[in-house]
Full PDB file with SEQRES, HELIX, SHEET, SSBOND, CRYST1, ORIGX, SCALE, CONECT and MASTER records, all heavy atoms in Angstrom:
SEQRES   1 A   40  TYR PHE VAL SER GLU LEU ALA LEU MET ASP SER ASN ASN          
SEQRES   2 A   40  TYR LEU ASN PRO VAL GLY VAL GLY GLU ARG GLU GLY ARG          
SEQRES   3 A   40  VAL TYR SER ASP LEU VAL ARG LYS ARG HIS TYR ASN PHE          
SEQRES   4 A   40  SER                                                          
HELIX    1 AA1 PHE A    2  ALA A    7  1                                   6    
HELIX    2 AA2 SER A   11  ASN A   13  5                                   3    
HELIX    3 AA3 ASP A   30  ARG A   35  1                                   6    
CRYST1    1.000    1.000    1.000  90.00  90.00  90.00 P 1           1          
ORIGX1      1.000000  0.000000  0.000000        0.00000                         
ORIGX2      0.000000  1.000000  0.000000        0.00000                         
ORIGX3      0.000000  0.000000  1.000000        0.00000                         
SCALE1      1.000000  0.000000  0.000000        0.00000                         
SCALE2      0.000000  1.000000  0.000000        0.00000                         
SCALE3      0.000000  0.000000  1.000000        0.00000                         
ATOM      1  N   TYR A   1       7.346  -5.416  -7.857  1.00  0.00           N  
ATOM      2  CA  TYR A   1       8.103  -4.687  -6.805  1.00  0.00           C  
ATOM      3  C   TYR A   1       9.116  -3.726  -7.486  1.00  0.00           C  
ATOM      4  O   TYR A   1       9.209  -2.543  -7.148  1.00  0.00           O  
ATOM      5  CB  TYR A   1       8.816  -5.677  -5.920  1.00  0.00           C  
ATOM      6  CG  TYR A   1       9.837  -5.103  -5.008  1.00  0.00           C  
ATOM      7  CD1 TYR A   1       9.572  -4.212  -4.021  1.00  0.00           C  
ATOM      8  CD2 TYR A   1      11.177  -5.580  -5.095  1.00  0.00           C  
ATOM      9  CE1 TYR A   1      10.522  -3.706  -3.172  1.00  0.00           C  
ATOM     10  CE2 TYR A   1      12.172  -5.112  -4.249  1.00  0.00           C  
ATOM     11  CZ  TYR A   1      11.818  -4.164  -3.309  1.00  0.00           C  
ATOM     12  OH  TYR A   1      12.797  -3.675  -2.442  1.00  0.00           O  
ATOM     13  N   PHE A   2       9.827  -4.243  -8.468  1.00  0.00           N  
ATOM     14  CA  PHE A   2      10.852  -3.430  -9.180  1.00  0.00           C  
ATOM     15  C   PHE A   2      10.248  -2.268  -9.938  1.00  0.00           C  
ATOM     16  O   PHE A   2      10.673  -1.134  -9.825  1.00  0.00           O  
ATOM     17  CB  PHE A   2      11.651  -4.367 -10.092  1.00  0.00           C  
ATOM     18  CG  PHE A   2      12.717  -3.670 -10.920  1.00  0.00           C  
ATOM     19  CD1 PHE A   2      13.626  -2.857 -10.317  1.00  0.00           C  
ATOM     20  CD2 PHE A   2      12.742  -3.862 -12.296  1.00  0.00           C  
ATOM     21  CE1 PHE A   2      14.600  -2.185 -11.074  1.00  0.00           C  
ATOM     22  CE2 PHE A   2      13.689  -3.221 -13.067  1.00  0.00           C  
ATOM     23  CZ  PHE A   2      14.645  -2.365 -12.455  1.00  0.00           C  
ATOM     24  N   VAL A   3       9.192  -2.601 -10.706  1.00  0.00           N  
ATOM     25  CA  VAL A   3       8.520  -1.574 -11.498  1.00  0.00           C  
ATOM     26  C   VAL A   3       7.931  -0.501 -10.612  1.00  0.00           C  
ATOM     27  O   VAL A   3       7.970   0.713 -10.926  1.00  0.00           O  
ATOM     28  CB  VAL A   3       7.471  -2.206 -12.444  1.00  0.00           C  
ATOM     29  CG1 VAL A   3       6.587  -1.128 -13.071  1.00  0.00           C  
ATOM     30  CG2 VAL A   3       8.105  -3.047 -13.486  1.00  0.00           C  
ATOM     31  N   SER A   4       7.301  -0.868  -9.531  1.00  0.00           N  
ATOM     32  CA  SER A   4       6.711   0.077  -8.570  1.00  0.00           C  
ATOM     33  C   SER A   4       7.777   0.972  -7.979  1.00  0.00           C  
ATOM     34  O   SER A   4       7.566   2.193  -7.793  1.00  0.00           O  
ATOM     35  CB  SER A   4       5.934  -0.640  -7.470  1.00  0.00           C  
ATOM     36  OG  SER A   4       4.860  -1.381  -8.005  1.00  0.00           O  
ATOM     37  N   GLU A   5       8.917   0.399  -7.649  1.00  0.00           N  
ATOM     38  CA  GLU A   5      10.047   1.223  -7.087  1.00  0.00           C  
ATOM     39  C   GLU A   5      10.512   2.236  -8.135  1.00  0.00           C  
ATOM     40  O   GLU A   5      10.801   3.381  -7.791  1.00  0.00           O  
ATOM     41  CB  GLU A   5      11.210   0.333  -6.711  1.00  0.00           C  
ATOM     42  CG  GLU A   5      10.914  -0.524  -5.458  1.00  0.00           C  
ATOM     43  CD  GLU A   5      10.978   0.329  -4.182  1.00  0.00           C  
ATOM     44  OE1 GLU A   5      11.997   0.889  -3.902  1.00  0.00           O  
ATOM     45  OE2 GLU A   5       9.964   0.350  -3.476  1.00  0.00           O  
ATOM     46  N   LEU A   6      10.594   1.842  -9.390  1.00  0.00           N  
ATOM     47  CA  LEU A   6      10.978   2.801 -10.463  1.00  0.00           C  
ATOM     48  C   LEU A   6       9.962   3.901 -10.575  1.00  0.00           C  
ATOM     49  O   LEU A   6      10.303   5.072 -10.701  1.00  0.00           O  
ATOM     50  CB  LEU A   6      11.150   2.045 -11.741  1.00  0.00           C  
ATOM     51  CG  LEU A   6      12.348   1.086 -11.919  1.00  0.00           C  
ATOM     52  CD1 LEU A   6      12.336   0.436 -13.267  1.00  0.00           C  
ATOM     53  CD2 LEU A   6      13.663   1.856 -11.740  1.00  0.00           C  
ATOM     54  N   ALA A   7       8.664   3.554 -10.542  1.00  0.00           N  
ATOM     55  CA  ALA A   7       7.614   4.542 -10.716  1.00  0.00           C  
ATOM     56  C   ALA A   7       7.630   5.551  -9.570  1.00  0.00           C  
ATOM     57  O   ALA A   7       7.350   6.743  -9.787  1.00  0.00           O  
ATOM     58  CB  ALA A   7       6.255   3.820 -10.797  1.00  0.00           C  
ATOM     59  N   LEU A   8       8.021   5.156  -8.391  1.00  0.00           N  
ATOM     60  CA  LEU A   8       8.071   6.079  -7.256  1.00  0.00           C  
ATOM     61  C   LEU A   8       9.178   7.172  -7.463  1.00  0.00           C  
ATOM     62  O   LEU A   8       9.152   8.193  -6.771  1.00  0.00           O  
ATOM     63  CB  LEU A   8       8.357   5.321  -5.972  1.00  0.00           C  
ATOM     64  CG  LEU A   8       7.180   4.474  -5.403  1.00  0.00           C  
ATOM     65  CD1 LEU A   8       7.660   3.677  -4.176  1.00  0.00           C  
ATOM     66  CD2 LEU A   8       6.018   5.385  -5.056  1.00  0.00           C  
ATOM     67  N   MET A   9      10.077   6.948  -8.425  1.00  0.00           N  
ATOM     68  CA  MET A   9      11.126   7.895  -8.691  1.00  0.00           C  
ATOM     69  C   MET A   9      10.646   9.032  -9.628  1.00  0.00           C  
ATOM     70  O   MET A   9      11.367  10.018  -9.831  1.00  0.00           O  
ATOM     71  CB  MET A   9      12.356   7.202  -9.294  1.00  0.00           C  
ATOM     72  CG  MET A   9      12.987   6.200  -8.402  1.00  0.00           C  
ATOM     73  SD  MET A   9      14.116   5.064  -9.269  1.00  0.00           S  
ATOM     74  CE  MET A   9      15.369   6.243  -9.835  1.00  0.00           C  
ATOM     75  N   ASP A  10       9.451   8.906 -10.170  1.00  0.00           N  
ATOM     76  CA  ASP A  10       8.909   9.926 -11.061  1.00  0.00           C  
ATOM     77  C   ASP A  10       8.134  10.965 -10.232  1.00  0.00           C  
ATOM     78  O   ASP A  10       7.504  10.630  -9.232  1.00  0.00           O  
ATOM     79  CB  ASP A  10       7.945   9.298 -12.113  1.00  0.00           C  
ATOM     80  CG  ASP A  10       8.722   8.628 -13.221  1.00  0.00           C  
ATOM     81  OD1 ASP A  10       9.948   8.530 -13.130  1.00  0.00           O  
ATOM     82  OD2 ASP A  10       8.033   8.136 -14.159  1.00  0.00           O  
ATOM     83  N   SER A  11       8.189  12.210 -10.666  1.00  0.00           N  
ATOM     84  CA  SER A  11       7.681  13.322  -9.884  1.00  0.00           C  
ATOM     85  C   SER A  11       6.148  13.234  -9.602  1.00  0.00           C  
ATOM     86  O   SER A  11       5.701  13.727  -8.575  1.00  0.00           O  
ATOM     87  CB  SER A  11       7.959  14.657 -10.559  1.00  0.00           C  
ATOM     88  OG  SER A  11       7.343  14.749 -11.809  1.00  0.00           O  
ATOM     89  N   ASN A  12       5.420  12.570 -10.496  1.00  0.00           N  
ATOM     90  CA  ASN A  12       3.946  12.494 -10.265  1.00  0.00           C  
ATOM     91  C   ASN A  12       3.594  11.611  -9.076  1.00  0.00           C  
ATOM     92  O   ASN A  12       2.505  11.621  -8.623  1.00  0.00           O  
ATOM     93  CB  ASN A  12       3.268  11.997 -11.529  1.00  0.00           C  
ATOM     94  CG  ASN A  12       3.764  10.624 -11.989  1.00  0.00           C  
ATOM     95  OD1 ASN A  12       4.910  10.514 -12.369  1.00  0.00           O  
ATOM     96  ND2 ASN A  12       2.892   9.656 -11.956  1.00  0.00           N  
ATOM     97  N   ASN A  13       4.618  10.820  -8.622  1.00  0.00           N  
ATOM     98  CA  ASN A  13       4.379   9.923  -7.505  1.00  0.00           C  
ATOM     99  C   ASN A  13       5.095  10.394  -6.221  1.00  0.00           C  
ATOM    100  O   ASN A  13       5.116   9.672  -5.187  1.00  0.00           O  
ATOM    101  CB  ASN A  13       4.862   8.509  -7.873  1.00  0.00           C  
ATOM    102  CG  ASN A  13       4.067   7.939  -8.992  1.00  0.00           C  
ATOM    103  OD1 ASN A  13       2.860   7.984  -8.997  1.00  0.00           O  
ATOM    104  ND2 ASN A  13       4.772   7.427  -9.998  1.00  0.00           N  
ATOM    105  N   TYR A  14       5.673  11.593  -6.203  1.00  0.00           N  
ATOM    106  CA  TYR A  14       6.267  12.154  -5.005  1.00  0.00           C  
ATOM    107  C   TYR A  14       5.132  12.402  -3.974  1.00  0.00           C  
ATOM    108  O   TYR A  14       4.011  12.654  -4.329  1.00  0.00           O  
ATOM    109  CB  TYR A  14       6.974  13.469  -5.278  1.00  0.00           C  
ATOM    110  CG  TYR A  14       8.227  13.369  -6.122  1.00  0.00           C  
ATOM    111  CD1 TYR A  14       8.851  14.524  -6.559  1.00  0.00           C  
ATOM    112  CD2 TYR A  14       8.760  12.138  -6.512  1.00  0.00           C  
ATOM    113  CE1 TYR A  14      10.014  14.454  -7.387  1.00  0.00           C  
ATOM    114  CE2 TYR A  14       9.887  12.055  -7.290  1.00  0.00           C  
ATOM    115  CZ  TYR A  14      10.546  13.249  -7.730  1.00  0.00           C  
ATOM    116  OH  TYR A  14      11.633  13.200  -8.487  1.00  0.00           O  
ATOM    117  N   LEU A  15       5.517  12.404  -2.698  1.00  0.00           N  
ATOM    118  CA  LEU A  15       4.606  12.818  -1.684  1.00  0.00           C  
ATOM    119  C   LEU A  15       4.354  14.315  -1.754  1.00  0.00           C  
ATOM    120  O   LEU A  15       5.304  15.093  -1.872  1.00  0.00           O  
ATOM    121  CB  LEU A  15       5.152  12.442  -0.290  1.00  0.00           C  
ATOM    122  CG  LEU A  15       5.166  10.965   0.092  1.00  0.00           C  
ATOM    123  CD1 LEU A  15       5.846  10.751   1.414  1.00  0.00           C  
ATOM    124  CD2 LEU A  15       3.761  10.347   0.096  1.00  0.00           C  
ATOM    125  N   ASN A  16       3.069  14.703  -1.730  1.00  0.00           N  
ATOM    126  CA  ASN A  16       2.705  16.138  -1.784  1.00  0.00           C  
ATOM    127  C   ASN A  16       3.355  16.883  -2.966  1.00  0.00           C  
ATOM    128  O   ASN A  16       4.002  17.906  -2.715  1.00  0.00           O  
ATOM    129  CB  ASN A  16       3.051  16.819  -0.425  1.00  0.00           C  
ATOM    130  CG  ASN A  16       2.440  16.138   0.748  1.00  0.00           C  
ATOM    131  OD1 ASN A  16       1.270  15.822   0.716  1.00  0.00           O  
ATOM    132  ND2 ASN A  16       3.265  15.920   1.822  1.00  0.00           N  
ATOM    133  N   PRO A  17       3.176  16.398  -4.150  1.00  0.00           N  
ATOM    134  CA  PRO A  17       3.791  17.105  -5.308  1.00  0.00           C  
ATOM    135  C   PRO A  17       3.122  18.422  -5.587  1.00  0.00           C  
ATOM    136  O   PRO A  17       1.867  18.545  -5.306  1.00  0.00           O  
ATOM    137  CB  PRO A  17       3.563  16.128  -6.478  1.00  0.00           C  
ATOM    138  CG  PRO A  17       2.357  15.390  -6.098  1.00  0.00           C  
ATOM    139  CD  PRO A  17       2.409  15.269  -4.611  1.00  0.00           C  
ATOM    140  N   VAL A  18       3.865  19.370  -6.078  1.00  0.00           N  
ATOM    141  CA  VAL A  18       3.317  20.676  -6.492  1.00  0.00           C  
ATOM    142  C   VAL A  18       3.709  20.913  -7.909  1.00  0.00           C  
ATOM    143  O   VAL A  18       4.872  21.235  -8.245  1.00  0.00           O  
ATOM    144  CB  VAL A  18       3.860  21.869  -5.614  1.00  0.00           C  
ATOM    145  CG1 VAL A  18       3.255  23.187  -6.092  1.00  0.00           C  
ATOM    146  CG2 VAL A  18       3.476  21.609  -4.158  1.00  0.00           C  
ATOM    147  N   GLY A  19       2.770  20.756  -8.825  1.00  0.00           N  
ATOM    148  CA  GLY A  19       3.081  20.828 -10.246  1.00  0.00           C  
ATOM    149  C   GLY A  19       2.408  22.054 -10.854  1.00  0.00           C  
ATOM    150  O   GLY A  19       1.181  22.227 -10.770  1.00  0.00           O  
ATOM    151  N   VAL A  20       3.192  22.902 -11.486  1.00  0.00           N  
ATOM    152  CA  VAL A  20       2.637  24.112 -12.062  1.00  0.00           C  
ATOM    153  C   VAL A  20       2.997  24.215 -13.570  1.00  0.00           C  
ATOM    154  O   VAL A  20       2.910  25.278 -14.182  1.00  0.00           O  
ATOM    155  CB  VAL A  20       3.110  25.400 -11.335  1.00  0.00           C  
ATOM    156  CG1 VAL A  20       2.544  25.453  -9.957  1.00  0.00           C  
ATOM    157  CG2 VAL A  20       4.666  25.422 -11.307  1.00  0.00           C  
ATOM    158  N   GLY A  21       3.382  23.087 -14.164  1.00  0.00           N  
ATOM    159  CA  GLY A  21       3.682  23.058 -15.595  1.00  0.00           C  
ATOM    160  C   GLY A  21       2.464  22.598 -16.369  1.00  0.00           C  
ATOM    161  O   GLY A  21       1.396  22.305 -15.825  1.00  0.00           O  
ATOM    162  N   GLU A  22       2.687  22.493 -17.691  1.00  0.00           N  
ATOM    163  CA  GLU A  22       1.557  22.053 -18.575  1.00  0.00           C  
ATOM    164  C   GLU A  22       1.477  20.538 -18.636  1.00  0.00           C  
ATOM    165  O   GLU A  22       0.551  19.994 -19.156  1.00  0.00           O  
ATOM    166  CB  GLU A  22       1.729  22.682 -19.974  1.00  0.00           C  
ATOM    167  CG  GLU A  22       2.615  21.937 -20.967  1.00  0.00           C  
ATOM    168  CD  GLU A  22       4.118  21.947 -20.585  1.00  0.00           C  
ATOM    169  OE1 GLU A  22       4.506  22.668 -19.624  1.00  0.00           O  
ATOM    170  OE2 GLU A  22       4.899  21.262 -21.273  1.00  0.00           O  
ATOM    171  N   ARG A  23       2.532  19.857 -18.209  1.00  0.00           N  
ATOM    172  CA  ARG A  23       2.539  18.400 -18.225  1.00  0.00           C  
ATOM    173  C   ARG A  23       3.114  17.911 -16.904  1.00  0.00           C  
ATOM    174  O   ARG A  23       4.310  17.940 -16.704  1.00  0.00           O  
ATOM    175  CB  ARG A  23       3.360  17.875 -19.385  1.00  0.00           C  
ATOM    176  CG  ARG A  23       3.355  16.364 -19.538  1.00  0.00           C  
ATOM    177  CD  ARG A  23       4.317  15.874 -20.593  1.00  0.00           C  
ATOM    178  NE  ARG A  23       3.817  16.103 -21.917  1.00  0.00           N  
ATOM    179  CZ  ARG A  23       4.430  16.943 -22.809  1.00  0.00           C  
ATOM    180  NH1 ARG A  23       5.545  17.519 -22.423  1.00  0.00           N  
ATOM    181  NH2 ARG A  23       3.937  17.113 -23.976  1.00  0.00           N  
ATOM    182  N   GLU A  24       2.242  17.433 -16.008  1.00  0.00           N  
ATOM    183  CA  GLU A  24       2.685  17.052 -14.682  1.00  0.00           C  
ATOM    184  C   GLU A  24       2.342  15.559 -14.371  1.00  0.00           C  
ATOM    185  O   GLU A  24       2.411  15.167 -13.212  1.00  0.00           O  
ATOM    186  CB  GLU A  24       2.016  17.948 -13.672  1.00  0.00           C  
ATOM    187  CG  GLU A  24       2.438  19.389 -13.716  1.00  0.00           C  
ATOM    188  CD  GLU A  24       3.922  19.623 -13.464  1.00  0.00           C  
ATOM    189  OE1 GLU A  24       4.555  18.745 -12.892  1.00  0.00           O  
ATOM    190  OE2 GLU A  24       4.431  20.714 -13.824  1.00  0.00           O  
ATOM    191  N   GLY A  25       2.038  14.801 -15.364  1.00  0.00           N  
ATOM    192  CA  GLY A  25       1.796  13.408 -15.174  1.00  0.00           C  
ATOM    193  C   GLY A  25       0.516  13.090 -14.435  1.00  0.00           C  
ATOM    194  O   GLY A  25       0.422  12.031 -13.757  1.00  0.00           O  
ATOM    195  N   ARG A  26      -0.454  13.995 -14.483  1.00  0.00           N  
ATOM    196  CA  ARG A  26      -1.726  13.748 -13.813  1.00  0.00           C  
ATOM    197  C   ARG A  26      -2.544  12.714 -14.604  1.00  0.00           C  
ATOM    198  O   ARG A  26      -2.683  12.884 -15.839  1.00  0.00           O  
ATOM    199  CB  ARG A  26      -2.475  15.036 -13.625  1.00  0.00           C  
ATOM    200  CG  ARG A  26      -1.745  16.077 -12.778  1.00  0.00           C  
ATOM    201  CD  ARG A  26      -2.595  17.294 -12.545  1.00  0.00           C  
ATOM    202  NE  ARG A  26      -1.898  18.288 -11.716  1.00  0.00           N  
ATOM    203  CZ  ARG A  26      -1.243  19.326 -12.210  1.00  0.00           C  
ATOM    204  NH1 ARG A  26      -1.259  19.515 -13.551  1.00  0.00           N  
ATOM    205  NH2 ARG A  26      -0.641  20.204 -11.420  1.00  0.00           N  
ATOM    206  N   VAL A  27      -3.120  11.763 -13.922  1.00  0.00           N  
ATOM    207  CA  VAL A  27      -3.969  10.762 -14.580  1.00  0.00           C  
ATOM    208  C   VAL A  27      -5.278  10.693 -13.816  1.00  0.00           C  
ATOM    209  O   VAL A  27      -5.268  10.413 -12.626  1.00  0.00           O  
ATOM    210  CB  VAL A  27      -3.274   9.333 -14.580  1.00  0.00           C  
ATOM    211  CG1 VAL A  27      -4.173   8.298 -15.243  1.00  0.00           C  
ATOM    212  CG2 VAL A  27      -1.967   9.441 -15.357  1.00  0.00           C  
ATOM    213  N   TYR A  28      -6.380  10.906 -14.501  1.00  0.00           N  
ATOM    214  CA  TYR A  28      -7.702  10.954 -13.865  1.00  0.00           C  
ATOM    215  C   TYR A  28      -8.190   9.613 -13.414  1.00  0.00           C  
ATOM    216  O   TYR A  28      -8.660   9.412 -12.314  1.00  0.00           O  
ATOM    217  CB  TYR A  28      -8.746  11.617 -14.802  1.00  0.00           C  
ATOM    218  CG  TYR A  28     -10.127  11.622 -14.254  1.00  0.00           C  
ATOM    219  CD1 TYR A  28     -10.484  12.583 -13.295  1.00  0.00           C  
ATOM    220  CD2 TYR A  28     -11.071  10.724 -14.682  1.00  0.00           C  
ATOM    221  CE1 TYR A  28     -11.769  12.593 -12.782  1.00  0.00           C  
ATOM    222  CE2 TYR A  28     -12.354  10.731 -14.176  1.00  0.00           C  
ATOM    223  CZ  TYR A  28     -12.713  11.673 -13.194  1.00  0.00           C  
ATOM    224  OH  TYR A  28     -13.946  11.677 -12.716  1.00  0.00           O  
ATOM    225  N   SER A  29      -8.101   8.622 -14.310  1.00  0.00           N  
ATOM    226  CA  SER A  29      -8.693   7.297 -14.034  1.00  0.00           C  
ATOM    227  C   SER A  29      -7.691   6.431 -13.285  1.00  0.00           C  
ATOM    228  O   SER A  29      -6.592   6.215 -13.657  1.00  0.00           O  
ATOM    229  CB  SER A  29      -9.078   6.622 -15.354  1.00  0.00           C  
ATOM    230  OG  SER A  29      -9.435   5.283 -15.157  1.00  0.00           O  
ATOM    231  N   ASP A  30      -8.213   5.848 -12.165  1.00  0.00           N  
ATOM    232  CA  ASP A  30      -7.418   4.850 -11.409  1.00  0.00           C  
ATOM    233  C   ASP A  30      -7.121   3.629 -12.233  1.00  0.00           C  
ATOM    234  O   ASP A  30      -6.034   3.017 -12.089  1.00  0.00           O  
ATOM    235  CB  ASP A  30      -8.081   4.445 -10.118  1.00  0.00           C  
ATOM    236  CG  ASP A  30      -8.029   5.537  -9.056  1.00  0.00           C  
ATOM    237  OD1 ASP A  30      -7.104   6.397  -9.166  1.00  0.00           O  
ATOM    238  OD2 ASP A  30      -8.850   5.506  -8.159  1.00  0.00           O  
ATOM    239  N   LEU A  31      -8.054   3.259 -13.109  1.00  0.00           N  
ATOM    240  CA  LEU A  31      -7.815   2.088 -13.975  1.00  0.00           C  
ATOM    241  C   LEU A  31      -6.653   2.319 -14.906  1.00  0.00           C  
ATOM    242  O   LEU A  31      -5.824   1.467 -15.155  1.00  0.00           O  
ATOM    243  CB  LEU A  31      -9.080   1.714 -14.769  1.00  0.00           C  
ATOM    244  CG  LEU A  31     -10.284   1.230 -13.996  1.00  0.00           C  
ATOM    245  CD1 LEU A  31     -11.494   1.058 -14.914  1.00  0.00           C  
ATOM    246  CD2 LEU A  31      -9.925  -0.127 -13.314  1.00  0.00           C  
ATOM    247  N   VAL A  32      -6.608   3.523 -15.487  1.00  0.00           N  
ATOM    248  CA  VAL A  32      -5.499   3.848 -16.410  1.00  0.00           C  
ATOM    249  C   VAL A  32      -4.174   3.948 -15.629  1.00  0.00           C  
ATOM    250  O   VAL A  32      -3.177   3.442 -16.088  1.00  0.00           O  
ATOM    251  CB  VAL A  32      -5.766   5.199 -17.125  1.00  0.00           C  
ATOM    252  CG1 VAL A  32      -4.558   5.632 -17.915  1.00  0.00           C  
ATOM    253  CG2 VAL A  32      -6.993   5.089 -18.032  1.00  0.00           C  
ATOM    254  N   ARG A  33      -4.220   4.491 -14.468  1.00  0.00           N  
ATOM    255  CA  ARG A  33      -3.013   4.580 -13.656  1.00  0.00           C  
ATOM    256  C   ARG A  33      -2.465   3.224 -13.287  1.00  0.00           C  
ATOM    257  O   ARG A  33      -1.270   2.987 -13.365  1.00  0.00           O  
ATOM    258  CB  ARG A  33      -3.342   5.401 -12.358  1.00  0.00           C  
ATOM    259  CG  ARG A  33      -2.081   5.666 -11.493  1.00  0.00           C  
ATOM    260  CD  ARG A  33      -2.424   6.414 -10.210  1.00  0.00           C  
ATOM    261  NE  ARG A  33      -2.956   7.749 -10.502  1.00  0.00           N  
ATOM    262  CZ  ARG A  33      -4.203   8.083 -10.358  1.00  0.00           C  
ATOM    263  NH1 ARG A  33      -5.098   7.181  -9.928  1.00  0.00           N  
ATOM    264  NH2 ARG A  33      -4.634   9.288 -10.629  1.00  0.00           N  
ATOM    265  N   LYS A  34      -3.358   2.291 -12.930  1.00  0.00           N  
ATOM    266  CA  LYS A  34      -2.923   0.928 -12.582  1.00  0.00           C  
ATOM    267  C   LYS A  34      -2.398   0.245 -13.822  1.00  0.00           C  
ATOM    268  O   LYS A  34      -1.433  -0.542 -13.758  1.00  0.00           O  
ATOM    269  CB  LYS A  34      -4.067   0.192 -11.988  1.00  0.00           C  
ATOM    270  CG  LYS A  34      -4.501   0.641 -10.567  1.00  0.00           C  
ATOM    271  CD  LYS A  34      -5.744  -0.105 -10.085  1.00  0.00           C  
ATOM    272  CE  LYS A  34      -6.177   0.432  -8.734  1.00  0.00           C  
ATOM    273  NZ  LYS A  34      -7.432  -0.254  -8.294  1.00  0.00           N  
ATOM    274  N   ARG A  35      -3.068   0.483 -14.956  1.00  0.00           N  
ATOM    275  CA  ARG A  35      -2.612  -0.179 -16.203  1.00  0.00           C  
ATOM    276  C   ARG A  35      -1.183   0.164 -16.538  1.00  0.00           C  
ATOM    277  O   ARG A  35      -0.468  -0.619 -17.082  1.00  0.00           O  
ATOM    278  CB  ARG A  35      -3.559   0.243 -17.319  1.00  0.00           C  
ATOM    279  CG  ARG A  35      -3.134  -0.258 -18.736  1.00  0.00           C  
ATOM    280  CD  ARG A  35      -4.203   0.179 -19.757  1.00  0.00           C  
ATOM    281  NE  ARG A  35      -3.719  -0.269 -21.085  1.00  0.00           N  
ATOM    282  CZ  ARG A  35      -3.363   0.605 -22.032  1.00  0.00           C  
ATOM    283  NH1 ARG A  35      -3.432   1.917 -21.812  1.00  0.00           N  
ATOM    284  NH2 ARG A  35      -2.989   0.163 -23.217  1.00  0.00           N  
ATOM    285  N   HIS A  36      -0.768   1.406 -16.219  1.00  0.00           N  
ATOM    286  CA  HIS A  36       0.549   1.862 -16.541  1.00  0.00           C  
ATOM    287  C   HIS A  36       1.508   1.813 -15.328  1.00  0.00           C  
ATOM    288  O   HIS A  36       2.593   2.410 -15.417  1.00  0.00           O  
ATOM    289  CB  HIS A  36       0.505   3.260 -17.089  1.00  0.00           C  
ATOM    290  CG  HIS A  36      -0.185   3.368 -18.435  1.00  0.00           C  
ATOM    291  ND1 HIS A  36       0.469   3.132 -19.644  1.00  0.00           N  
ATOM    292  CD2 HIS A  36      -1.503   3.640 -18.761  1.00  0.00           C  
ATOM    293  CE1 HIS A  36      -0.376   3.255 -20.604  1.00  0.00           C  
ATOM    294  NE2 HIS A  36      -1.559   3.533 -20.104  1.00  0.00           N  
ATOM    295  N   TYR A  37       1.109   1.135 -14.272  1.00  0.00           N  
ATOM    296  CA  TYR A  37       1.953   0.981 -13.058  1.00  0.00           C  
ATOM    297  C   TYR A  37       2.423   2.355 -12.534  1.00  0.00           C  
ATOM    298  O   TYR A  37       3.564   2.491 -12.094  1.00  0.00           O  
ATOM    299  CB  TYR A  37       3.143   0.102 -13.362  1.00  0.00           C  
ATOM    300  CG  TYR A  37       2.810  -1.375 -13.421  1.00  0.00           C  
ATOM    301  CD1 TYR A  37       2.417  -1.994 -14.603  1.00  0.00           C  
ATOM    302  CD2 TYR A  37       2.790  -2.143 -12.250  1.00  0.00           C  
ATOM    303  CE1 TYR A  37       2.079  -3.341 -14.637  1.00  0.00           C  
ATOM    304  CE2 TYR A  37       2.503  -3.494 -12.324  1.00  0.00           C  
ATOM    305  CZ  TYR A  37       2.115  -4.071 -13.465  1.00  0.00           C  
ATOM    306  OH  TYR A  37       1.768  -5.397 -13.511  1.00  0.00           O  
ATOM    307  N   ASN A  38       1.562   3.375 -12.669  1.00  0.00           N  
ATOM    308  CA  ASN A  38       1.863   4.721 -12.142  1.00  0.00           C  
ATOM    309  C   ASN A  38       2.899   5.500 -12.966  1.00  0.00           C  
ATOM    310  O   ASN A  38       3.337   6.560 -12.544  1.00  0.00           O  
ATOM    311  CB  ASN A  38       2.260   4.698 -10.663  1.00  0.00           C  
ATOM    312  CG  ASN A  38       1.119   4.246  -9.781  1.00  0.00           C  
ATOM    313  OD1 ASN A  38      -0.026   4.662  -9.932  1.00  0.00           O  
ATOM    314  ND2 ASN A  38       1.457   3.390  -8.835  1.00  0.00           N  
ATOM    315  N   PHE A  39       3.303   4.960 -14.098  1.00  0.00           N  
ATOM    316  CA  PHE A  39       4.155   5.748 -15.026  1.00  0.00           C  
ATOM    317  C   PHE A  39       3.206   6.616 -15.897  1.00  0.00           C  
ATOM    318  O   PHE A  39       2.221   6.137 -16.414  1.00  0.00           O  
ATOM    319  CB  PHE A  39       4.957   4.839 -15.952  1.00  0.00           C  
ATOM    320  CG  PHE A  39       6.080   4.115 -15.299  1.00  0.00           C  
ATOM    321  CD1 PHE A  39       5.980   2.786 -14.960  1.00  0.00           C  
ATOM    322  CD2 PHE A  39       7.286   4.761 -14.976  1.00  0.00           C  
ATOM    323  CE1 PHE A  39       7.011   2.102 -14.353  1.00  0.00           C  
ATOM    324  CE2 PHE A  39       8.313   4.134 -14.396  1.00  0.00           C  
ATOM    325  CZ  PHE A  39       8.197   2.780 -14.064  1.00  0.00           C  
ATOM    326  N   SER A  40       3.570   7.857 -16.076  1.00  0.00           N  
ATOM    327  CA  SER A  40       2.740   8.716 -16.886  1.00  0.00           C  
ATOM    328  C   SER A  40       3.534   9.797 -17.658  1.00  0.00           C  
ATOM    329  O   SER A  40       2.913  10.486 -18.516  1.00  0.00           O  
ATOM    330  CB  SER A  40       1.696   9.443 -16.035  1.00  0.00           C  
ATOM    331  OG  SER A  40       2.266  10.287 -15.094  1.00  0.00           O  
TER     332      SER A  40                                                      
MASTER        0    0    0    3    0    0    0    6  331    1    0    4          
END                                                                             
């Protein structure tokens, strides 16, 4: 619960994010995303 709340504070987990930089925390694999608790 705590780790998930922290991850929601990162921009890659915002609702409707718009990222135009070279590093926006995009993760292709759901397995990888789950492994890192949505931190990227």
